[in-house]
Amino acid sequence: MEAQLCYTASQRVFMGPQPQSSPRIAFGPFEFNAVSGDLRKHGNRIRLQGQPLQILCALIERPGQMVGREELQHQLWDGTTFVDFEQGLNAAVNKLRQALGDSADQPRYVETLPGRGYRFIAPIHRDTGKAVLEIATPTAMRTEAARPKRLRRWLPWSAGVALAVAALGGYWWGARSNKQGEGPGVVRFKVAPPAGFALEGAASRQSFALSPDGSRLAFTAMDASGTLSVFLRDLSSLEPRPIPDTNGAHTLFWPPDGSSLYLTARGKLRRVSLEGDAQVALGEAPSFLFSGAWLRPDTLILSARRGSYASSPSGGTPEPIKDSYPWPQMLPGGEHILYVEWDAGISRYRARARRLASGSPSMDLLEADSRVLYTESAVTPGRGYLLHVRAGNLLAQSFDPHSLQLTGEAMPVTSKIYSFFPTGAADFSVAAKGTIAYLNYVSRSQLVWVDRPPGSPGRAGIFSTSRCMVFPSA
């Protein structure tokens, strides 16, 4: 599967009023929110998470149709051995059945098709009467759809591991309250990473990031040797350009003014000028650095696996700080810091906000499967959205950064977004006024037969899965 880069940019971003509710699916006594992953029975919440929850999502998307075992392996057990997959799938399906009060012998919800897969057999009712979050159909995409089939046959290569930058649309341009044609224009671009490189998920880092004003996208890409390098794409240009001397790059992030790019490579924290690519080595980087944020103009907070550190943006030795702020972001006004913290009791992250000046306790905001980022609204001054991943869906939750109050329900932006336990990393980034970048997950596993040479002791065949990379041709 080829890895490619595509994005959507807009002249301005519109995030309109949010709807009153999100789509729900009802079956038997159960109600399932496919966006948040909440499962309820007679109104009481049933705890379902991880792979059992993802299996339910996959089955309920195609009721009455078989979802094959190989498909579930590629989606949920990528990179595991065949034996681990078999054990894991059986255990996950059993947990799902226990949550539903179902049985394999007399199934009411999940039917087993021996050796092939599973099928959701209960009648379902979808509440789809209210749209959630929509992205306007881009002119470029309409033009692309009108191309002759002979040309369109070559387009699917770009549907692989795709990095997209998109402007979030409103609730059908504010519930159609605006006149047609008054909404902002959206343009979609599809760009492959440079020849010989492929995009790679975040796992324990920030692998791509939009500049604060949304005009540039910095991303890492991997060559055939497994080495990551940094590339910069000005969204007004046609091609990304490499940042010199960034082999071995790990994570990257932007300062608030977007005048330079900060990154780690070969254990060093560096600042890269956007004019001329001059680099300044700022000092040693903490091990497994996640991201960075500015507490004040003279103080940079670095979030790493072993804690948080304070440093000067101009360089120096990072100093450990008492409190840990994983994946930090300063909210508008500069008084509150947004971060996440793992809660073992709910097996999820809690997004929290804390006022630093007063030393007051943190306030819980929402539960998530990933880090949480804030982006401001282009429609309502002083308000914005918290973006996060739940059950593989990228959600936007309306939020007032001054009162720290959430309103309404989370709105879906896109699906199949990877989040990484236990780091909280996730494949999305945000900029001002609702511009986002995200990477949809596509499996790159293949089944491989491994055999020892003839005559070797204990010669035997083993099934395993391995990650493979196929790069697009120039």
Protein backbone atom coordinates (compact mmCIF):
# COMPACT_ATOMS: atom_id res chain seq x y z
CA MET A 1 0.00 0.00 0.00
CA GLU A 2 1.53 3.27 -1.03
CA ALA A 3 1.91 6.07 1.45
CA GLN A 4 0.86 9.48 0.27
CA LEU A 5 0.13 12.91 1.58
CA CYS A 6 -3.02 14.80 0.81
CA TYR A 7 -4.55 17.85 2.39
CA THR A 8 -7.39 20.29 2.19
CA ALA A 9 -6.87 23.99 2.73
CA SER A 10 -9.33 26.85 2.81
CA GLN A 11 -9.23 30.62 2.61
CA ARG A 12 -11.14 30.85 5.87
CA VAL A 13 -12.67 28.34 8.23
CA PHE A 14 -16.28 28.08 9.27
CA MET A 15 -17.45 26.19 12.31
CA GLY A 16 -21.12 26.79 12.79
CA PRO A 17 -23.62 26.00 15.56
CA GLN A 18 -23.43 22.43 16.66
CA PRO A 19 -26.39 20.06 16.55
CA GLN A 20 -28.34 18.96 19.56
CA SER A 21 -27.35 15.31 19.38
CA SER A 22 -25.15 12.84 17.55
CA PRO A 23 -26.15 9.66 15.66
CA ARG A 24 -27.10 6.69 17.81
CA ILE A 25 -27.77 3.06 17.05
CA ALA A 26 -30.40 1.10 18.98
CA PHE A 27 -30.70 -2.69 19.11
CA GLY A 28 -32.67 -4.70 21.64
CA PRO A 29 -32.39 -2.94 25.02
CA PHE A 30 -29.09 -1.35 23.98
CA GLU A 31 -28.22 2.10 22.70
CA PHE A 32 -24.81 2.61 21.13
CA ASN A 33 -23.16 5.93 20.29
CA ALA A 34 -20.84 5.10 17.41
CA VAL A 35 -19.03 8.42 17.82
CA SER A 36 -18.11 8.33 21.50
CA GLY A 37 -18.12 4.54 21.86
CA ASP A 38 -20.66 4.66 24.73
CA LEU A 39 -22.82 1.56 25.13
CA ARG A 40 -25.89 1.72 27.33
CA LYS A 41 -28.52 -0.82 28.37
CA HIS A 42 -31.82 0.66 29.54
CA GLY A 43 -29.93 3.92 29.99
CA ASN A 44 -27.21 2.42 32.19
CA ARG A 45 -23.69 2.65 30.84
CA ILE A 46 -21.87 -0.61 30.16
CA ARG A 47 -18.09 -0.48 30.21
CA LEU A 48 -16.76 -1.64 26.87
CA GLN A 49 -13.40 -0.51 25.56
CA GLY A 50 -10.37 -1.52 23.55
CA GLN A 51 -10.64 -4.28 20.99
CA PRO A 52 -14.12 -5.53 22.03
CA LEU A 53 -15.44 -2.00 21.44
CA GLN A 54 -13.66 -1.77 18.09
CA ILE A 55 -15.10 -5.13 17.02
CA LEU A 56 -18.60 -3.90 17.88
CA CYS A 57 -18.00 -0.78 15.80
CA ALA A 58 -16.82 -2.85 12.85
CA LEU A 59 -19.77 -5.24 13.03
CA ILE A 60 -22.41 -2.60 13.52
CA GLU A 61 -21.18 -0.61 10.53
CA ARG A 62 -22.23 -3.52 8.31
CA PRO A 63 -25.20 -5.24 9.98
CA GLY A 64 -26.13 -8.55 8.41
CA GLN A 65 -22.80 -8.74 6.56
CA MET A 66 -19.79 -10.82 7.43
CA VAL A 67 -16.73 -9.05 8.78
CA GLY A 68 -13.84 -11.38 8.03
CA ARG A 69 -11.21 -12.48 10.52
CA GLU A 70 -8.43 -11.24 8.25
CA GLU A 71 -10.05 -7.80 8.11
CA LEU A 72 -10.21 -7.65 11.90
CA GLN A 73 -6.59 -8.78 12.11
CA HIS A 74 -5.44 -6.00 9.78
CA GLN A 75 -7.44 -3.37 11.65
CA LEU A 76 -6.84 -4.38 15.26
CA TRP A 77 -3.91 -6.78 15.51
CA ASP A 78 -1.45 -5.33 13.05
CA GLY A 79 2.10 -6.49 13.71
CA THR A 80 1.21 -9.48 15.95
CA THR A 81 1.86 -13.16 15.33
CA PHE A 82 -0.86 -15.39 13.97
CA VAL A 83 -1.19 -17.21 17.31
CA ASP A 84 -1.47 -13.97 19.29
CA PHE A 85 -4.13 -12.72 16.87
CA GLU A 86 -6.22 -15.90 17.20
CA GLN A 87 -6.11 -15.78 21.00
CA GLY A 88 -6.73 -12.05 21.12
CA LEU A 89 -9.67 -12.13 18.72
CA ASN A 90 -11.38 -15.00 20.54
CA ALA A 91 -10.92 -13.26 23.90
CA ALA A 92 -12.20 -9.93 22.56
CA VAL A 93 -15.32 -11.48 21.00
CA ASN A 94 -16.04 -13.32 24.27
CA LYS A 95 -15.80 -10.03 26.20
CA LEU A 96 -18.14 -8.38 23.70
CA ARG A 97 -20.66 -11.20 24.09
CA GLN A 98 -20.45 -10.95 27.88
CA ALA A 99 -21.20 -7.22 27.71
CA LEU A 100 -24.23 -7.90 25.48
CA GLY A 101 -25.42 -10.94 27.42
CA ASP A 102 -25.02 -12.96 24.25
CA SER A 103 -23.86 -16.53 23.60
CA ALA A 104 -22.06 -18.25 20.75
CA ASP A 105 -24.46 -21.23 20.76
CA GLN A 106 -27.66 -19.19 20.53
CA PRO A 107 -26.56 -15.75 19.32
CA ARG A 108 -28.92 -12.80 19.38
CA TYR A 109 -26.37 -10.19 18.34
CA VAL A 110 -23.00 -11.60 17.23
CA GLU A 111 -23.04 -14.70 15.04
CA THR A 112 -19.88 -16.71 14.39
CA LEU A 113 -19.20 -17.89 10.85
CA PRO A 114 -16.67 -20.66 11.63
CA GLY A 115 -13.26 -20.04 10.15
CA ARG A 116 -14.49 -16.97 8.27
CA GLY A 117 -15.59 -14.16 10.57
CA TYR A 118 -18.55 -12.67 12.43
CA ARG A 119 -21.86 -11.04 11.61
CA PHE A 120 -24.16 -8.70 13.57
CA ILE A 121 -27.62 -10.27 13.25
CA ALA A 122 -29.89 -8.16 15.49
CA PRO A 123 -32.22 -5.58 13.90
CA ILE A 124 -30.87 -2.08 14.44
CA HIS A 125 -32.34 1.40 14.27
CA ARG A 126 -30.10 4.29 13.32
CA ASP A 127 -30.90 7.80 14.52
CA THR A 128 -29.50 9.73 11.58
CA GLY A 129 -32.01 12.55 11.44
CA LYS A 130 -29.50 15.16 12.62
CA ALA A 131 -26.32 15.89 10.79
CA VAL A 132 -23.23 16.32 12.87
CA LEU A 133 -20.14 17.99 11.50
CA GLU A 134 -19.81 18.37 7.76
CA ILE A 135 -17.07 19.42 5.42
CA ALA A 136 -18.18 21.26 2.32
CA THR A 137 -17.69 19.37 -0.93
CA PRO A 138 -14.51 20.88 -2.32
CA THR A 139 -14.51 22.29 -5.82
CA ALA A 140 -11.35 20.33 -6.54
CA MET A 141 -13.04 17.10 -5.54
CA ARG A 142 -16.06 17.84 -7.72
CA THR A 143 -13.70 18.46 -10.60
CA GLU A 144 -11.88 15.24 -9.87
CA ALA A 145 -15.12 13.28 -9.82
CA ALA A 146 -15.91 14.55 -13.30
CA ARG A 147 -12.72 13.17 -14.80
CA PRO A 148 -13.00 10.29 -17.28
CA LYS A 149 -12.95 6.81 -15.75
CA ARG A 150 -9.77 6.03 -17.66
CA LEU A 151 -7.96 8.64 -15.56
CA ARG A 152 -9.75 7.96 -12.30
CA ARG A 153 -8.56 4.36 -12.31
CA TRP A 154 -5.14 5.65 -11.29
CA LEU A 155 -6.42 7.66 -8.30
CA PRO A 156 -6.84 4.87 -5.70
CA TRP A 157 -3.08 4.78 -5.07
CA SER A 158 -3.56 8.01 -3.16
CA ALA A 159 -6.01 6.41 -0.72
CA GLY A 160 -3.27 4.68 1.25
CA VAL A 161 -1.78 6.11 4.41
CA ALA A 162 -3.10 9.63 3.88
CA LEU A 163 -2.22 12.78 5.75
CA ALA A 164 -5.02 15.28 5.23
CA VAL A 165 -5.32 18.91 6.23
CA ALA A 166 -8.93 20.02 6.36
CA ALA A 167 -11.06 22.98 7.35
CA LEU A 168 -13.91 21.91 9.59
CA GLY A 169 -17.27 22.82 8.13
CA GLY A 170 -20.23 23.89 10.21
CA TYR A 171 -23.55 22.20 10.71
CA TRP A 172 -24.37 22.47 7.01
CA TRP A 173 -23.28 26.10 7.07
CA GLY A 174 -25.12 26.87 10.28
CA ALA A 175 -28.16 24.66 9.69
CA ARG A 176 -28.51 26.23 6.22
CA SER A 177 -29.21 29.59 7.81
CA ASN A 178 -26.74 31.27 5.51
CA LYS A 179 -27.50 31.79 1.87
CA GLN A 180 -25.98 29.28 -0.48
CA GLY A 181 -22.65 30.49 -1.76
CA GLU A 182 -21.76 32.45 1.37
CA GLY A 183 -19.81 29.56 2.91
CA PRO A 184 -16.06 29.47 2.62
CA GLY A 185 -14.40 27.68 -0.26
CA VAL A 186 -12.42 24.55 0.46
CA VAL A 187 -9.72 23.15 -1.78
CA ARG A 188 -8.38 19.61 -1.44
CA PHE A 189 -4.89 18.58 -2.48
CA LYS A 190 -3.35 15.11 -2.60
CA VAL A 191 0.40 14.94 -2.36
CA ALA A 192 2.68 11.91 -2.11
CA PRO A 193 5.65 12.14 0.25
CA PRO A 194 8.95 12.48 -1.60
CA ALA A 195 9.98 9.47 -3.66
CA GLY A 196 11.56 6.82 -1.44
CA PHE A 197 9.78 8.00 1.72
CA ALA A 198 6.63 6.93 3.55
CA LEU A 199 4.54 8.40 6.35
CA GLU A 200 4.67 6.67 9.70
CA GLY A 201 2.30 6.89 12.68
CA ALA A 202 3.10 8.87 15.79
CA ALA A 203 3.29 6.17 18.55
CA SER A 204 5.33 8.23 21.06
CA ARG A 205 5.82 11.55 19.33
CA GLN A 206 4.25 14.29 17.25
CA SER A 207 5.00 13.15 13.71
CA PHE A 208 3.38 16.11 11.93
CA ALA A 209 2.13 19.55 12.94
CA LEU A 210 0.35 22.48 11.36
CA SER A 211 1.83 25.92 11.91
CA PRO A 212 -0.27 28.09 14.26
CA ASP A 213 -1.78 30.03 11.35
CA GLY A 214 -2.42 26.86 9.33
CA SER A 215 -0.29 28.00 6.38
CA ARG A 216 2.44 25.34 6.70
CA LEU A 217 2.62 21.66 7.48
CA ALA A 218 5.75 20.07 8.92
CA PHE A 219 5.94 16.28 8.87
CA THR A 220 8.36 13.41 9.27
CA ALA A 221 8.74 10.69 6.66
CA MET A 222 10.70 7.45 6.71
CA ASP A 223 13.11 6.19 4.05
CA ALA A 224 13.74 2.56 3.13
CA SER A 225 16.37 2.24 5.88
CA GLY A 226 13.85 3.22 8.56
CA THR A 227 15.34 6.69 9.14
CA LEU A 228 12.98 9.63 9.69
CA SER A 229 13.59 13.07 8.20
CA VAL A 230 11.62 16.31 8.38
CA PHE A 231 9.82 17.94 5.46
CA LEU A 232 8.02 21.27 5.26
CA ARG A 233 5.06 21.94 3.01
CA ASP A 234 3.96 25.50 2.44
CA LEU A 235 0.29 25.06 1.60
CA SER A 236 0.58 27.65 -1.15
CA SER A 237 3.29 25.62 -2.92
CA LEU A 238 3.10 22.37 -4.86
CA GLU A 239 5.83 20.26 -3.28
CA PRO A 240 7.24 19.63 0.19
CA ARG A 241 10.86 20.52 0.73
CA PRO A 242 13.28 18.63 2.96
CA ILE A 243 14.77 20.29 6.03
CA PRO A 244 18.51 19.60 5.75
CA ASP A 245 20.37 17.63 8.41
CA THR A 246 17.28 16.21 10.10
CA ASN A 247 18.06 12.50 9.69
CA GLY A 248 17.00 10.65 12.80
CA ALA A 249 14.23 13.14 13.61
CA HIS A 250 11.79 12.16 16.36
CA THR A 251 9.21 14.83 17.16
CA LEU A 252 8.43 18.38 16.04
CA PHE A 253 6.34 21.36 17.18
CA TRP A 254 5.87 25.07 16.43
CA PRO A 255 6.33 28.19 18.57
CA PRO A 256 3.24 30.42 18.95
CA ASP A 257 4.40 32.90 16.30
CA GLY A 258 5.20 30.19 13.74
CA SER A 259 8.46 31.91 12.84
CA SER A 260 10.56 28.75 13.19
CA LEU A 261 10.23 25.03 13.76
CA TYR A 262 11.41 23.10 16.81
CA LEU A 263 12.38 19.45 16.43
CA THR A 264 14.43 16.70 18.02
CA ALA A 265 17.00 14.72 16.05
CA ARG A 266 19.69 12.38 17.34
CA GLY A 267 18.99 13.33 20.93
CA LYS A 268 19.24 17.11 20.41
CA LEU A 269 16.56 19.78 20.58
CA ARG A 270 16.93 22.11 17.59
CA ARG A 271 15.37 25.28 16.24
CA VAL A 272 15.12 25.58 12.46
CA SER A 273 14.74 28.90 10.71
CA LEU A 274 12.14 28.90 7.96
CA GLU A 275 14.34 31.16 5.89
CA GLY A 276 17.49 29.42 4.73
CA ASP A 277 17.02 26.32 6.94
CA ALA A 278 19.67 27.48 9.44
CA GLN A 279 19.63 25.35 12.59
CA VAL A 280 20.48 26.15 16.18
CA ALA A 281 21.23 23.30 18.60
CA LEU A 282 19.47 24.20 21.85
CA GLY A 283 20.76 21.35 23.99
CA GLU A 284 20.02 17.79 24.97
CA ALA A 285 16.42 16.66 24.47
CA PRO A 286 14.66 14.62 27.18
CA SER A 287 14.32 10.96 26.25
CA PHE A 288 11.17 10.12 24.27
CA LEU A 289 10.05 13.72 23.98
CA PHE A 290 6.34 14.00 23.11
CA SER A 291 5.83 17.70 22.40
CA GLY A 292 6.49 21.22 23.61
CA ALA A 293 4.46 24.32 24.52
CA TRP A 294 5.19 27.86 25.66
CA LEU A 295 4.13 28.74 29.22
CA ARG A 296 5.52 32.25 28.75
CA PRO A 297 7.65 33.87 26.07
CA ASP A 298 10.76 32.93 28.06
CA THR A 299 9.68 29.46 29.24
CA LEU A 300 9.21 26.35 27.17
CA ILE A 301 7.64 23.27 28.73
CA LEU A 302 8.69 19.93 27.28
CA SER A 303 6.51 16.86 27.71
CA ALA A 304 8.32 13.52 27.73
CA ARG A 305 7.63 9.96 28.73
CA ARG A 306 9.28 10.36 32.14
CA GLY A 307 7.78 13.72 33.03
CA SER A 308 7.79 17.39 32.12
CA TYR A 309 10.70 19.78 31.85
CA ALA A 310 11.16 23.55 31.71
CA SER A 311 13.65 25.11 29.33
CA SER A 312 14.48 28.38 27.68
CA PRO A 313 13.37 28.65 24.02
CA SER A 314 16.85 29.95 23.26
CA GLY A 315 18.61 26.88 24.67
CA GLY A 316 19.98 25.36 27.82
CA THR A 317 19.58 22.22 29.89
CA PRO A 318 15.94 21.20 30.44
CA GLU A 319 15.11 21.11 34.15
CA PRO A 320 12.54 18.61 35.53
CA ILE A 321 9.48 20.21 37.08
CA LYS A 322 7.39 18.85 39.94
CA ASP A 323 4.09 18.51 38.10
CA SER A 324 3.73 16.55 34.89
CA TYR A 325 1.73 17.97 31.97
CA PRO A 326 1.56 15.37 29.18
CA TRP A 327 0.84 16.91 25.77
CA PRO A 328 0.53 20.50 27.08
CA GLN A 329 -1.13 23.40 25.31
CA MET A 330 -1.71 26.91 26.66
CA LEU A 331 -5.32 28.02 26.31
CA PRO A 332 -6.24 31.53 25.08
CA GLY A 333 -5.49 34.18 27.69
CA GLY A 334 -2.32 32.42 28.82
CA GLU A 335 -3.66 31.50 32.27
CA HIS A 336 -4.68 27.86 31.88
CA ILE A 337 -2.72 24.91 30.61
CA LEU A 338 -4.53 22.04 28.86
CA TYR A 339 -3.08 18.54 29.23
CA VAL A 340 -4.11 14.89 29.64
CA GLU A 341 -3.51 12.37 32.37
CA TRP A 342 -4.05 8.61 32.30
CA ASP A 343 -6.80 7.33 34.63
CA ALA A 344 -6.39 3.61 35.29
CA GLY A 345 -9.85 3.45 36.84
CA ILE A 346 -11.58 4.20 33.54
CA SER A 347 -8.74 2.99 31.26
CA ARG A 348 -8.80 6.31 29.45
CA TYR A 349 -7.15 9.69 29.53
CA ARG A 350 -8.74 12.63 31.29
CA ALA A 351 -8.31 16.02 29.68
CA ARG A 352 -7.60 18.58 32.39
CA ALA A 353 -7.09 22.31 32.64
CA ARG A 354 -5.15 24.07 35.40
CA ARG A 355 -4.64 27.71 36.23
CA LEU A 356 -0.92 27.98 36.78
CA ALA A 357 -0.67 31.36 38.51
CA SER A 358 -2.90 30.46 41.46
CA GLY A 359 -1.75 26.87 41.86
CA SER A 360 -5.39 25.79 41.98
CA PRO A 361 -6.28 22.13 41.42
CA SER A 362 -6.87 20.86 37.93
CA MET A 363 -10.37 20.69 36.47
CA ASP A 364 -11.51 17.57 34.63
CA LEU A 365 -12.91 18.32 31.18
CA LEU A 366 -13.58 15.11 29.28
CA GLU A 367 -12.49 11.50 28.75
CA ALA A 368 -10.46 10.58 25.69
CA ASP A 369 -8.36 7.85 24.15
CA SER A 370 -5.65 10.32 23.16
CA ARG A 371 -4.13 13.72 23.75
CA VAL A 372 -6.55 16.65 23.48
CA LEU A 373 -5.96 19.85 21.48
CA TYR A 374 -7.84 23.14 21.38
CA THR A 375 -8.70 25.12 18.25
CA GLU A 376 -10.68 28.33 18.21
CA SER A 377 -13.97 28.90 16.40
CA ALA A 378 -14.06 31.13 13.33
CA VAL A 379 -17.70 31.96 14.03
CA THR A 380 -18.10 32.51 17.77
CA PRO A 381 -15.45 34.79 19.31
CA GLY A 382 -14.01 33.48 22.55
CA ARG A 383 -15.11 29.90 21.97
CA GLY A 384 -13.61 26.90 20.27
CA TYR A 385 -13.36 23.13 20.19
CA LEU A 386 -11.46 20.39 21.96
CA LEU A 387 -10.34 17.74 19.50
CA HIS A 388 -9.61 14.21 20.66
CA VAL A 389 -9.92 10.55 19.67
CA ARG A 390 -12.57 8.21 21.04
CA ALA A 391 -13.05 4.67 19.71
CA GLY A 392 -11.01 5.55 16.64
CA ASN A 393 -13.09 8.64 15.81
CA LEU A 394 -11.68 12.16 15.80
CA LEU A 395 -14.21 14.29 17.71
CA ALA A 396 -14.71 18.03 18.18
CA GLN A 397 -16.32 19.17 21.45
CA SER A 398 -17.56 22.75 21.82
CA PHE A 399 -15.60 24.47 24.60
CA ASP A 400 -15.28 27.87 26.28
CA PRO A 401 -11.57 28.28 27.16
CA HIS A 402 -12.27 31.06 29.68
CA SER A 403 -15.01 29.42 31.76
CA LEU A 404 -13.67 25.93 30.97
CA GLN A 405 -17.19 24.80 30.17
CA LEU A 406 -18.18 22.20 27.58
CA THR A 407 -21.48 22.47 25.71
CA GLY A 408 -23.48 20.03 23.62
CA GLU A 409 -22.14 16.70 22.46
CA ALA A 410 -18.95 15.82 20.63
CA MET A 411 -19.16 16.02 16.84
CA PRO A 412 -17.38 13.54 14.56
CA VAL A 413 -14.74 14.89 12.21
CA THR A 414 -13.34 11.68 10.71
CA SER A 415 -12.82 8.03 11.58
CA LYS A 416 -9.98 5.50 11.64
CA ILE A 417 -7.60 7.70 13.59
CA TYR A 418 -4.99 5.81 15.55
CA SER A 419 -4.34 6.65 19.19
CA PHE A 420 -1.42 5.06 20.98
CA PHE A 421 -1.56 3.56 24.46
CA PRO A 422 0.15 4.28 26.78
CA THR A 423 1.65 7.49 25.37
CA GLY A 424 -1.57 9.28 24.36
CA ALA A 425 -0.14 10.14 20.94
CA ALA A 426 -2.60 10.37 18.06
CA ASP A 427 -2.38 11.16 14.37
CA PHE A 428 -3.90 14.62 14.22
CA SER A 429 -2.85 18.26 14.59
CA VAL A 430 -4.72 21.57 14.81
CA ALA A 431 -4.15 25.19 13.87
CA ALA A 432 -6.12 28.36 14.41
CA LYS A 433 -9.74 28.77 13.29
CA GLY A 434 -10.60 25.09 13.03
CA THR A 435 -7.95 23.90 10.60
CA ILE A 436 -6.90 20.31 11.31
CA ALA A 437 -4.51 17.72 9.94
CA TYR A 438 -5.08 14.02 10.43
CA LEU A 439 -3.75 10.67 9.31
CA ASN A 440 -6.27 7.91 8.59
CA TYR A 441 -5.05 4.46 9.47
CA VAL A 442 -4.62 1.88 6.71
CA SER A 443 -3.08 -1.48 7.52
CA ARG A 444 0.23 -2.33 5.90
CA SER A 445 0.49 -5.90 7.20
CA GLN A 446 0.99 -8.98 5.14
CA LEU A 447 1.00 -12.68 6.00
CA VAL A 448 4.47 -14.15 5.58
CA TRP A 449 5.57 -17.80 5.50
CA VAL A 450 8.88 -18.17 7.33
CA ASP A 451 10.76 -21.43 6.75
CA ARG A 452 14.18 -22.59 7.87
CA PRO A 453 16.66 -23.84 5.25
CA PRO A 454 16.45 -27.57 4.35
CA GLY A 455 18.34 -29.70 6.81
CA SER A 456 18.09 -27.23 9.68
CA PRO A 457 17.20 -28.77 13.06
CA GLY A 458 13.51 -28.60 13.86
CA ARG A 459 12.58 -27.26 10.42
CA ALA A 460 9.06 -25.91 10.63
CA GLY A 461 6.85 -23.31 9.07
CA ILE A 462 5.59 -20.37 11.11
CA PHE A 463 2.95 -17.85 10.27
CA SER A 464 3.65 -14.29 11.36
CA THR A 465 2.78 -10.79 10.34
CA SER A 466 5.32 -8.16 9.44
CA ARG A 467 5.13 -4.50 8.57
CA CYS A 468 6.09 -3.76 5.00
CA MET A 469 6.50 -0.49 3.13
CA VAL A 470 5.83 0.01 -0.55
CA PHE A 471 6.80 3.42 -1.80
CA PRO A 472 5.14 5.17 -4.74
CA SER A 473 7.15 5.37 -7.89
CA ALA A 474 8.55 8.73 -8.90
